[in-house]
Each structure stands twice: as structure tokens, then as C-alpha cells.
Amino acid sequence: MYQDFKEKFFKNEKLMQIPKKEKYRTAIMNYIITYFEIDKIYSEKEVNEIIKEIYDDFAYIRRYLVDNNYLTRDSDGKNYFRNKDLIIE
């Protein structure tokens, strides 16, 4: 599965487009979240910098990761954490 989506949607380690099919979006997000360490605190700027290396629209990816519980934020929204309970398939 990983090789399939990487060949289809990535070029030179950059995501070229967000797929319409949810199974591919999920696979891509499962891949992107591996760039974040468990138990590390990230600022929004650090999150954006990591995502920018993969996809130019870092705000879309960041929002997707938060909305789908890949990343969580503290109460004031300044710090991000990788969800430790996330099971990546």
C-alpha cells in the first residue's frame, strides 16, 4: 500500500496532490505523521516547517492532522503533540 501511494502521489519526496479517495488520503497522513516524534512538543511553526518539506499547503495538512486526531494541541493551541494512541495501519 505505501509504495503504491508514494509512486502515485509523490515526486522527489514531495506530495504532488491530495487524493480524492479517502484510503489514499489516510495512507498519506499515516506517512506524514511518521515525521513527528512521539512525546515531543512542537510549536505551530515547527509543525508547518515539517509539513512544508512534504507539501506546500501546510495549513491544509496541519488542519487535517489535527481534525483527524493525528496531532493534538494543548488548550491554548500553541503546542502540538503526536497522538500516542493513534494506530497506524
PDB file of N, CA and C in Angstrom:
ATOM      1  N   MET A   1       0.824  -1.202   0.000  1.00  0.00           N
ATOM      2  CA  MET A   1       0.000   0.000   0.000  1.00  0.00           C
ATOM      3  C   MET A   1       0.865   1.262   0.000  1.00  0.00           C
ATOM      4  N   TYR A   2       1.896   1.327   0.877  1.00  0.00           N
ATOM      5  CA  TYR A   2       2.716   2.530   0.943  1.00  0.00           C
ATOM      6  C   TYR A   2       3.430   2.808  -0.366  1.00  0.00           C
ATOM      7  N   GLN A   3       3.998   1.806  -0.968  1.00  0.00           N
ATOM      8  CA  GLN A   3       4.706   2.030  -2.222  1.00  0.00           C
ATOM      9  C   GLN A   3       3.745   2.498  -3.300  1.00  0.00           C
ATOM     10  N   ASP A   4       2.550   1.928  -3.304  1.00  0.00           N
ATOM     11  CA  ASP A   4       1.534   2.288  -4.287  1.00  0.00           C
ATOM     12  C   ASP A   4       1.196   3.770  -4.212  1.00  0.00           C
ATOM     13  N   PHE A   5       0.892   4.285  -3.023  1.00  0.00           N
ATOM     14  CA  PHE A   5       0.518   5.694  -2.925  1.00  0.00           C
ATOM     15  C   PHE A   5       1.717   6.609  -3.143  1.00  0.00           C
ATOM     16  N   LYS A   6       2.903   6.183  -2.739  1.00  0.00           N
ATOM     17  CA  LYS A   6       4.083   7.032  -2.944  1.00  0.00           C
ATOM     18  C   LYS A   6       4.374   7.195  -4.434  1.00  0.00           C
ATOM     19  N   GLU A   7       4.272   6.124  -5.177  1.00  0.00           N
ATOM     20  CA  GLU A   7       4.508   6.213  -6.624  1.00  0.00           C
ATOM     21  C   GLU A   7       3.454   7.069  -7.305  1.00  0.00           C
ATOM     22  N   LYS A   8       2.244   7.012  -6.788  1.00  0.00           N
ATOM     23  CA  LYS A   8       1.121   7.702  -7.405  1.00  0.00           C
ATOM     24  C   LYS A   8       1.073   9.198  -7.073  1.00  0.00           C
ATOM     25  N   PHE A   9       1.438   9.569  -5.856  1.00  0.00           N
ATOM     26  CA  PHE A   9       1.207  10.931  -5.399  1.00  0.00           C
ATOM     27  C   PHE A   9       2.460  11.725  -5.024  1.00  0.00           C
ATOM     28  N   PHE A  10       3.620  11.089  -5.001  1.00  0.00           N
ATOM     29  CA  PHE A  10       4.840  11.781  -4.605  1.00  0.00           C
ATOM     30  C   PHE A  10       5.839  11.840  -5.751  1.00  0.00           C
ATOM     31  N   LYS A  11       6.583  12.926  -5.775  1.00  0.00           N
ATOM     32  CA  LYS A  11       7.697  13.060  -6.710  1.00  0.00           C
ATOM     33  C   LYS A  11       8.826  13.721  -5.930  1.00  0.00           C
ATOM     34  N   ASN A  12       9.974  13.061  -5.888  1.00  0.00           N
ATOM     35  CA  ASN A  12      11.126  13.569  -5.140  1.00  0.00           C
ATOM     36  C   ASN A  12      10.769  13.902  -3.693  1.00  0.00           C
ATOM     37  N   GLU A  13      10.039  12.997  -3.054  1.00  0.00           N
ATOM     38  CA  GLU A  13       9.621  13.121  -1.648  1.00  0.00           C
ATOM     39  C   GLU A  13       8.641  14.265  -1.380  1.00  0.00           C
ATOM     40  N   LYS A  14       8.088  14.881  -2.420  1.00  0.00           N
ATOM     41  CA  LYS A  14       7.089  15.941  -2.269  1.00  0.00           C
ATOM     42  C   LYS A  14       5.728  15.409  -2.722  1.00  0.00           C
ATOM     43  N   LEU A  15       4.721  15.665  -1.912  1.00  0.00           N
ATOM     44  CA  LEU A  15       3.350  15.309  -2.269  1.00  0.00           C
ATOM     45  C   LEU A  15       2.889  16.252  -3.373  1.00  0.00           C
ATOM     46  N   MET A  16       2.441  15.683  -4.481  1.00  0.00           N
ATOM     47  CA  MET A  16       2.066  16.492  -5.638  1.00  0.00           C
ATOM     48  C   MET A  16       0.600  16.935  -5.582  1.00  0.00           C
ATOM     49  N   GLN A  17      -0.256  16.118  -4.993  1.00  0.00           N
ATOM     50  CA  GLN A  17      -1.667  16.470  -4.889  1.00  0.00           C
ATOM     51  C   GLN A  17      -2.304  15.667  -3.757  1.00  0.00           C
ATOM     52  N   ILE A  18      -3.393  16.197  -3.245  1.00  0.00           N
ATOM     53  CA  ILE A  18      -4.166  15.485  -2.228  1.00  0.00           C
ATOM     54  C   ILE A  18      -5.159  14.598  -2.980  1.00  0.00           C
ATOM     55  N   PRO A  19      -5.119  13.304  -2.725  1.00  0.00           N
ATOM     56  CA  PRO A  19      -6.031  12.413  -3.447  1.00  0.00           C
ATOM     57  C   PRO A  19      -7.483  12.576  -3.001  1.00  0.00           C
ATOM     58  N   LYS A  20      -8.394  12.267  -3.891  1.00  0.00           N
ATOM     59  CA  LYS A  20      -9.822  12.336  -3.579  1.00  0.00           C
ATOM     60  C   LYS A  20     -10.265  11.120  -2.763  1.00  0.00           C
ATOM     61  N   LYS A  21      -9.667   9.966  -3.032  1.00  0.00           N
ATOM     62  CA  LYS A  21     -10.073   8.753  -2.320  1.00  0.00           C
ATOM     63  C   LYS A  21      -9.537   8.772  -0.891  1.00  0.00           C
ATOM     64  N   GLU A  22     -10.433   8.505   0.028  1.00  0.00           N
ATOM     65  CA  GLU A  22     -10.083   8.546   1.448  1.00  0.00           C
ATOM     66  C   GLU A  22      -8.981   7.547   1.793  1.00  0.00           C
ATOM     67  N   LYS A  23      -8.977   6.378   1.176  1.00  0.00           N
ATOM     68  CA  LYS A  23      -7.951   5.378   1.517  1.00  0.00           C
ATOM     69  C   LYS A  23      -6.548   5.898   1.211  1.00  0.00           C
ATOM     70  N   TYR A  24      -6.408   6.669   0.134  1.00  0.00           N
ATOM     71  CA  TYR A  24      -5.103   7.246  -0.189  1.00  0.00           C
ATOM     72  C   TYR A  24      -4.772   8.422   0.729  1.00  0.00           C
ATOM     73  N   ARG A  25      -5.788   9.248   1.039  1.00  0.00           N
ATOM     74  CA  ARG A  25      -5.548  10.347   1.988  1.00  0.00           C
ATOM     75  C   ARG A  25      -5.095   9.796   3.333  1.00  0.00           C
ATOM     76  N   THR A  26      -5.747   8.733   3.781  1.00  0.00           N
ATOM     77  CA  THR A  26      -5.370   8.104   5.049  1.00  0.00           C
ATOM     78  C   THR A  26      -3.946   7.575   4.984  1.00  0.00           C
ATOM     79  N   ALA A  27      -3.600   6.907   3.911  1.00  0.00           N
ATOM     80  CA  ALA A  27      -2.243   6.375   3.755  1.00  0.00           C
ATOM     81  C   ALA A  27      -1.219   7.505   3.774  1.00  0.00           C
ATOM     82  N   ILE A  28      -1.531   8.604   3.115  1.00  0.00           N
ATOM     83  CA  ILE A  28      -0.614   9.742   3.077  1.00  0.00           C
ATOM     84  C   ILE A  28      -0.459  10.354   4.465  1.00  0.00           C
ATOM     85  N   MET A  29      -1.559  10.524   5.176  1.00  0.00           N
ATOM     86  CA  MET A  29      -1.478  11.098   6.524  1.00  0.00           C
ATOM     87  C   MET A  29      -0.744  10.158   7.483  1.00  0.00           C
ATOM     88  N   ASN A  30      -0.950   8.866   7.323  1.00  0.00           N
ATOM     89  CA  ASN A  30      -0.198   7.893   8.122  1.00  0.00           C
ATOM     90  C   ASN A  30       1.295   8.007   7.852  1.00  0.00           C
ATOM     91  N   TYR A  31       1.648   8.310   6.633  1.00  0.00           N
ATOM     92  CA  TYR A  31       3.047   8.500   6.268  1.00  0.00           C
ATOM     93  C   TYR A  31       3.579   9.821   6.846  1.00  0.00           C
ATOM     94  N   ILE A  32       2.827  10.890   6.675  1.00  0.00           N
ATOM     95  CA  ILE A  32       3.272  12.211   7.140  1.00  0.00           C
ATOM     96  C   ILE A  32       3.459  12.228   8.653  1.00  0.00           C
ATOM     97  N   ILE A  33       2.582  11.576   9.388  1.00  0.00           N
ATOM     98  CA  ILE A  33       2.679  11.626  10.850  1.00  0.00           C
ATOM     99  C   ILE A  33       3.964  10.969  11.345  1.00  0.00           C
ATOM    100  N   THR A  34       4.573  10.118  10.553  1.00  0.00           N
ATOM    101  CA  THR A  34       5.832   9.493  10.973  1.00  0.00           C
ATOM    102  C   THR A  34       6.982  10.500  11.037  1.00  0.00           C
ATOM    103  N   TYR A  35       6.793  11.678  10.474  1.00  0.00           N
ATOM    104  CA  TYR A  35       7.796  12.735  10.568  1.00  0.00           C
ATOM    105  C   TYR A  35       7.809  13.394  11.946  1.00  0.00           C
ATOM    106  N   PHE A  36       6.793  13.090  12.760  1.00  0.00           N
ATOM    107  CA  PHE A  36       6.669  13.667  14.093  1.00  0.00           C
ATOM    108  C   PHE A  36       6.995  12.616  15.147  1.00  0.00           C
ATOM    109  N   GLU A  37       7.805  13.019  16.120  1.00  0.00           N
ATOM    110  CA  GLU A  37       8.203  12.108  17.190  1.00  0.00           C
ATOM    111  C   GLU A  37       7.125  12.055  18.272  1.00  0.00           C
ATOM    112  N   ILE A  38       6.939  10.875  18.812  1.00  0.00           N
ATOM    113  CA  ILE A  38       6.042  10.716  19.956  1.00  0.00           C
ATOM    114  C   ILE A  38       6.726  11.351  21.164  1.00  0.00           C
ATOM    115  N   ASP A  39       5.943  12.007  22.003  1.00  0.00           N
ATOM    116  CA  ASP A  39       6.401  12.660  23.239  1.00  0.00           C
ATOM    117  C   ASP A  39       7.235  13.910  23.007  1.00  0.00           C
ATOM    118  N   LYS A  40       7.223  14.440  21.808  1.00  0.00           N
ATOM    119  CA  LYS A  40       7.914  15.706  21.557  1.00  0.00           C
ATOM    120  C   LYS A  40       6.866  16.808  21.413  1.00  0.00           C
ATOM    121  N   ILE A  41       7.176  17.973  21.946  1.00  0.00           N
ATOM    122  CA  ILE A  41       6.299  19.135  21.840  1.00  0.00           C
ATOM    123  C   ILE A  41       6.761  19.952  20.640  1.00  0.00           C
ATOM    124  N   TYR A  42       5.805  20.310  19.772  1.00  0.00           N
ATOM    125  CA  TYR A  42       6.097  21.095  18.578  1.00  0.00           C
ATOM    126  C   TYR A  42       5.336  22.418  18.630  1.00  0.00           C
ATOM    127  N   SER A  43       5.991  23.482  18.239  1.00  0.00           N
ATOM    128  CA  SER A  43       5.287  24.752  18.043  1.00  0.00           C
ATOM    129  C   SER A  43       4.576  24.680  16.690  1.00  0.00           C
ATOM    130  N   GLU A  44       3.652  25.600  16.467  1.00  0.00           N
ATOM    131  CA  GLU A  44       2.968  25.625  15.174  1.00  0.00           C
ATOM    132  C   GLU A  44       3.979  25.870  14.055  1.00  0.00           C
ATOM    133  N   LYS A  45       4.955  26.711  14.306  1.00  0.00           N
ATOM    134  CA  LYS A  45       5.985  26.985  13.305  1.00  0.00           C
ATOM    135  C   LYS A  45       6.755  25.711  12.958  1.00  0.00           C
ATOM    136  N   GLU A  46       7.108  24.911  13.959  1.00  0.00           N
ATOM    137  CA  GLU A  46       7.826  23.658  13.706  1.00  0.00           C
ATOM    138  C   GLU A  46       6.966  22.679  12.919  1.00  0.00           C
ATOM    139  N   VAL A  47       5.690  22.591  13.267  1.00  0.00           N
ATOM    140  CA  VAL A  47       4.768  21.722  12.528  1.00  0.00           C
ATOM    141  C   VAL A  47       4.718  22.170  11.072  1.00  0.00           C
ATOM    142  N   ASN A  48       4.560  23.459  10.851  1.00  0.00           N
ATOM    143  CA  ASN A  48       4.492  23.991   9.484  1.00  0.00           C
ATOM    144  C   ASN A  48       5.764  23.693   8.700  1.00  0.00           C
ATOM    145  N   GLU A  49       6.916  23.850   9.334  1.00  0.00           N
ATOM    146  CA  GLU A  49       8.190  23.599   8.648  1.00  0.00           C
ATOM    147  C   GLU A  49       8.328  22.138   8.240  1.00  0.00           C
ATOM    148  N   ILE A  50       7.909  21.229   9.100  1.00  0.00           N
ATOM    149  CA  ILE A  50       7.968  19.803   8.772  1.00  0.00           C
ATOM    150  C   ILE A  50       7.054  19.507   7.583  1.00  0.00           C
ATOM    151  N   ILE A  51       5.841  20.012   7.661  1.00  0.00           N
ATOM    152  CA  ILE A  51       4.871  19.731   6.597  1.00  0.00           C
ATOM    153  C   ILE A  51       5.286  20.380   5.284  1.00  0.00           C
ATOM    154  N   LYS A  52       5.854  21.602   5.321  1.00  0.00           N
ATOM    155  CA  LYS A  52       6.284  22.294   4.095  1.00  0.00           C
ATOM    156  C   LYS A  52       7.303  21.484   3.302  1.00  0.00           C
ATOM    157  N   GLU A  53       8.077  20.667   3.999  1.00  0.00           N
ATOM    158  CA  GLU A  53       9.041  19.804   3.311  1.00  0.00           C
ATOM    159  C   GLU A  53       8.338  18.761   2.441  1.00  0.00           C
ATOM    160  N   ILE A  54       7.071  18.493   2.764  1.00  0.00           N
ATOM    161  CA  ILE A  54       6.320  17.450   2.073  1.00  0.00           C
ATOM    162  C   ILE A  54       5.293  18.033   1.108  1.00  0.00           C
ATOM    163  N   TYR A  55       4.622  19.117   1.538  1.00  0.00           N
ATOM    164  CA  TYR A  55       3.526  19.674   0.734  1.00  0.00           C
ATOM    165  C   TYR A  55       3.444  21.174   0.978  1.00  0.00           C
ATOM    166  N   ASP A  56       3.258  21.945  -0.081  1.00  0.00           N
ATOM    167  CA  ASP A  56       3.269  23.401   0.028  1.00  0.00           C
ATOM    168  C   ASP A  56       2.111  23.956   0.858  1.00  0.00           C
ATOM    169  N   ASP A  57       0.933  23.359   0.757  1.00  0.00           N
ATOM    170  CA  ASP A  57      -0.219  23.844   1.526  1.00  0.00           C
ATOM    171  C   ASP A  57      -0.179  23.212   2.918  1.00  0.00           C
ATOM    172  N   PHE A  58       0.778  23.679   3.713  1.00  0.00           N
ATOM    173  CA  PHE A  58       0.987  23.106   5.045  1.00  0.00           C
ATOM    174  C   PHE A  58      -0.225  23.313   5.950  1.00  0.00           C
ATOM    175  N   ALA A  59      -0.982  24.394   5.750  1.00  0.00           N
ATOM    176  CA  ALA A  59      -2.152  24.658   6.599  1.00  0.00           C
ATOM    177  C   ALA A  59      -3.214  23.580   6.401  1.00  0.00           C
ATOM    178  N   TYR A  60      -3.425  23.157   5.163  1.00  0.00           N
ATOM    179  CA  TYR A  60      -4.403  22.099   4.894  1.00  0.00           C
ATOM    180  C   TYR A  60      -4.002  20.808   5.609  1.00  0.00           C
ATOM    181  N   ILE A  61      -2.751  20.423   5.450  1.00  0.00           N
ATOM    182  CA  ILE A  61      -2.271  19.178   6.065  1.00  0.00           C
ATOM    183  C   ILE A  61      -2.330  19.283   7.580  1.00  0.00           C
ATOM    184  N   ARG A  62      -1.879  20.395   8.133  1.00  0.00           N
ATOM    185  CA  ARG A  62      -1.911  20.575   9.589  1.00  0.00           C
ATOM    186  C   ARG A  62      -3.340  20.459  10.108  1.00  0.00           C
ATOM    187  N   ARG A  63      -4.267  21.123   9.447  1.00  0.00           N
ATOM    188  CA  ARG A  63      -5.673  21.072   9.840  1.00  0.00           C
ATOM    189  C   ARG A  63      -6.214  19.645   9.764  1.00  0.00           C
ATOM    190  N   TYR A  64      -5.873  18.937   8.694  1.00  0.00           N
ATOM    191  CA  TYR A  64      -6.321  17.555   8.539  1.00  0.00           C
ATOM    192  C   TYR A  64      -5.756  16.688   9.664  1.00  0.00           C
ATOM    193  N   LEU A  65      -4.483  16.846   9.965  1.00  0.00           N
ATOM    194  CA  LEU A  65      -3.857  16.055  11.026  1.00  0.00           C
ATOM    195  C   LEU A  65      -4.505  16.320  12.379  1.00  0.00           C
ATOM    196  N   VAL A  66      -4.845  17.568  12.646  1.00  0.00           N
ATOM    197  CA  VAL A  66      -5.487  17.903  13.920  1.00  0.00           C
ATOM    198  C   VAL A  66      -6.934  17.415  13.926  1.00  0.00           C
ATOM    199  N   ASP A  67      -7.673  17.697  12.869  1.00  0.00           N
ATOM    200  CA  ASP A  67      -9.088  17.314  12.806  1.00  0.00           C
ATOM    201  C   ASP A  67      -9.292  15.804  12.889  1.00  0.00           C
ATOM    202  N   ASN A  68      -8.298  15.052  12.438  1.00  0.00           N
ATOM    203  CA  ASN A  68      -8.413  13.594  12.433  1.00  0.00           C
ATOM    204  C   ASN A  68      -7.571  12.934  13.530  1.00  0.00           C
ATOM    205  N   ASN A  69      -7.182  13.724  14.506  1.00  0.00           N
ATOM    206  CA  ASN A  69      -6.502  13.254  15.724  1.00  0.00           C
ATOM    207  C   ASN A  69      -5.136  12.607  15.510  1.00  0.00           C
ATOM    208  N   TYR A  70      -4.469  12.952  14.439  1.00  0.00           N
ATOM    209  CA  TYR A  70      -3.078  12.540  14.279  1.00  0.00           C
ATOM    210  C   TYR A  70      -2.200  13.394  15.196  1.00  0.00           C
ATOM    211  N   LEU A  71      -2.534  14.692  15.235  1.00  0.00           N
ATOM    212  CA  LEU A  71      -1.866  15.631  16.128  1.00  0.00           C
ATOM    213  C   LEU A  71      -2.909  16.207  17.076  1.00  0.00           C
ATOM    214  N   THR A  72      -2.487  16.469  18.308  1.00  0.00           N
ATOM    215  CA  THR A  72      -3.356  17.148  19.260  1.00  0.00           C
ATOM    216  C   THR A  72      -2.684  18.445  19.669  1.00  0.00           C
ATOM    217  N   ARG A  73      -3.489  19.365  20.178  1.00  0.00           N
ATOM    218  CA  ARG A  73      -2.970  20.659  20.627  1.00  0.00           C
ATOM    219  C   ARG A  73      -3.291  20.838  22.107  1.00  0.00           C
ATOM    220  N   ASP A  74      -2.483  21.648  22.761  1.00  0.00           N
ATOM    221  CA  ASP A  74      -2.809  21.969  24.143  1.00  0.00           C
ATOM    222  C   ASP A  74      -3.968  22.970  24.159  1.00  0.00           C
ATOM    223  N   SER A  75      -4.436  23.322  25.342  1.00  0.00           N
ATOM    224  CA  SER A  75      -5.649  24.138  25.468  1.00  0.00           C
ATOM    225  C   SER A  75      -5.541  25.509  24.814  1.00  0.00           C
ATOM    226  N   ASP A  76      -4.367  26.106  24.783  1.00  0.00           N
ATOM    227  CA  ASP A  76      -4.237  27.410  24.128  1.00  0.00           C
ATOM    228  C   ASP A  76      -3.868  27.299  22.650  1.00  0.00           C
ATOM    229  N   GLY A  77      -3.671  26.081  22.152  1.00  0.00           N
ATOM    230  CA  GLY A  77      -3.423  25.851  20.727  1.00  0.00           C
ATOM    231  C   GLY A  77      -2.035  26.191  20.252  1.00  0.00           C
ATOM    232  N   LYS A  78      -1.117  26.446  21.168  1.00  0.00           N
ATOM    233  CA  LYS A  78       0.237  26.843  20.776  1.00  0.00           C
ATOM    234  C   LYS A  78       1.180  25.661  20.589  1.00  0.00           C
ATOM    235  N   ASN A  79       0.929  24.563  21.282  1.00  0.00           N
ATOM    236  CA  ASN A  79       1.807  23.402  21.224  1.00  0.00           C
ATOM    237  C   ASN A  79       1.072  22.205  20.634  1.00  0.00           C
ATOM    238  N   TYR A  80       1.792  21.470  19.816  1.00  0.00           N
ATOM    239  CA  TYR A  80       1.240  20.297  19.142  1.00  0.00           C
ATOM    240  C   TYR A  80       1.992  19.059  19.615  1.00  0.00           C
ATOM    241  N   PHE A  81       1.273  17.942  19.629  1.00  0.00           N
ATOM    242  CA  PHE A  81       1.837  16.660  20.046  1.00  0.00           C
ATOM    243  C   PHE A  81       1.321  15.579  19.104  1.00  0.00           C
ATOM    244  N   ARG A  82       2.159  14.621  18.805  1.00  0.00           N
ATOM    245  CA  ARG A  82       1.694  13.460  18.045  1.00  0.00           C
ATOM    246  C   ARG A  82       0.818  12.622  18.970  1.00  0.00           C
ATOM    247  N   ASN A  83      -0.308  12.188  18.474  1.00  0.00           N
ATOM    248  CA  ASN A  83      -1.233  11.375  19.250  1.00  0.00           C
ATOM    249  C   ASN A  83      -0.603  10.014  19.523  1.00  0.00           C
ATOM    250  N   LYS A  84      -0.316   9.738  20.803  1.00  0.00           N
ATOM    251  CA  LYS A  84       0.323   8.472  21.181  1.00  0.00           C
ATOM    252  C   LYS A  84      -0.592   7.274  20.975  1.00  0.00           C
ATOM    253  N   ASP A  85      -1.893   7.508  21.047  1.00  0.00           N
ATOM    254  CA  ASP A  85      -2.856   6.411  20.953  1.00  0.00           C
ATOM    255  C   ASP A  85      -3.239   6.063  19.523  1.00  0.00           C
ATOM    256  N   LEU A  86      -2.718   6.805  18.575  1.00  0.00           N
ATOM    257  CA  LEU A  86      -3.046   6.585  17.173  1.00  0.00           C
ATOM    258  C   LEU A  86      -2.481   5.255  16.696  1.00  0.00           C
ATOM    259  N   ILE A  87      -3.314   4.475  16.089  1.00  0.00           N
ATOM    260  CA  ILE A  87      -2.883   3.202  15.497  1.00  0.00           C
ATOM    261  C   ILE A  87      -2.771   3.411  14.000  1.00  0.00           C
ATOM    262  N   ILE A  88      -1.559   3.306  13.489  1.00  0.00           N
ATOM    263  CA  ILE A  88      -1.316   3.498  12.064  1.00  0.00           C
ATOM    264  C   ILE A  88      -1.345   2.149  11.379  1.00  0.00           C
ATOM    265  N   GLU A  89      -2.188   2.061  10.366  1.00  0.00           N
ATOM    266  CA  GLU A  89      -2.334   0.796   9.626  1.00  0.00           C
ATOM    267  C   GLU A  89      -1.456   0.775   8.413  1.00  0.00           C
TER     268      GLU A  89
END
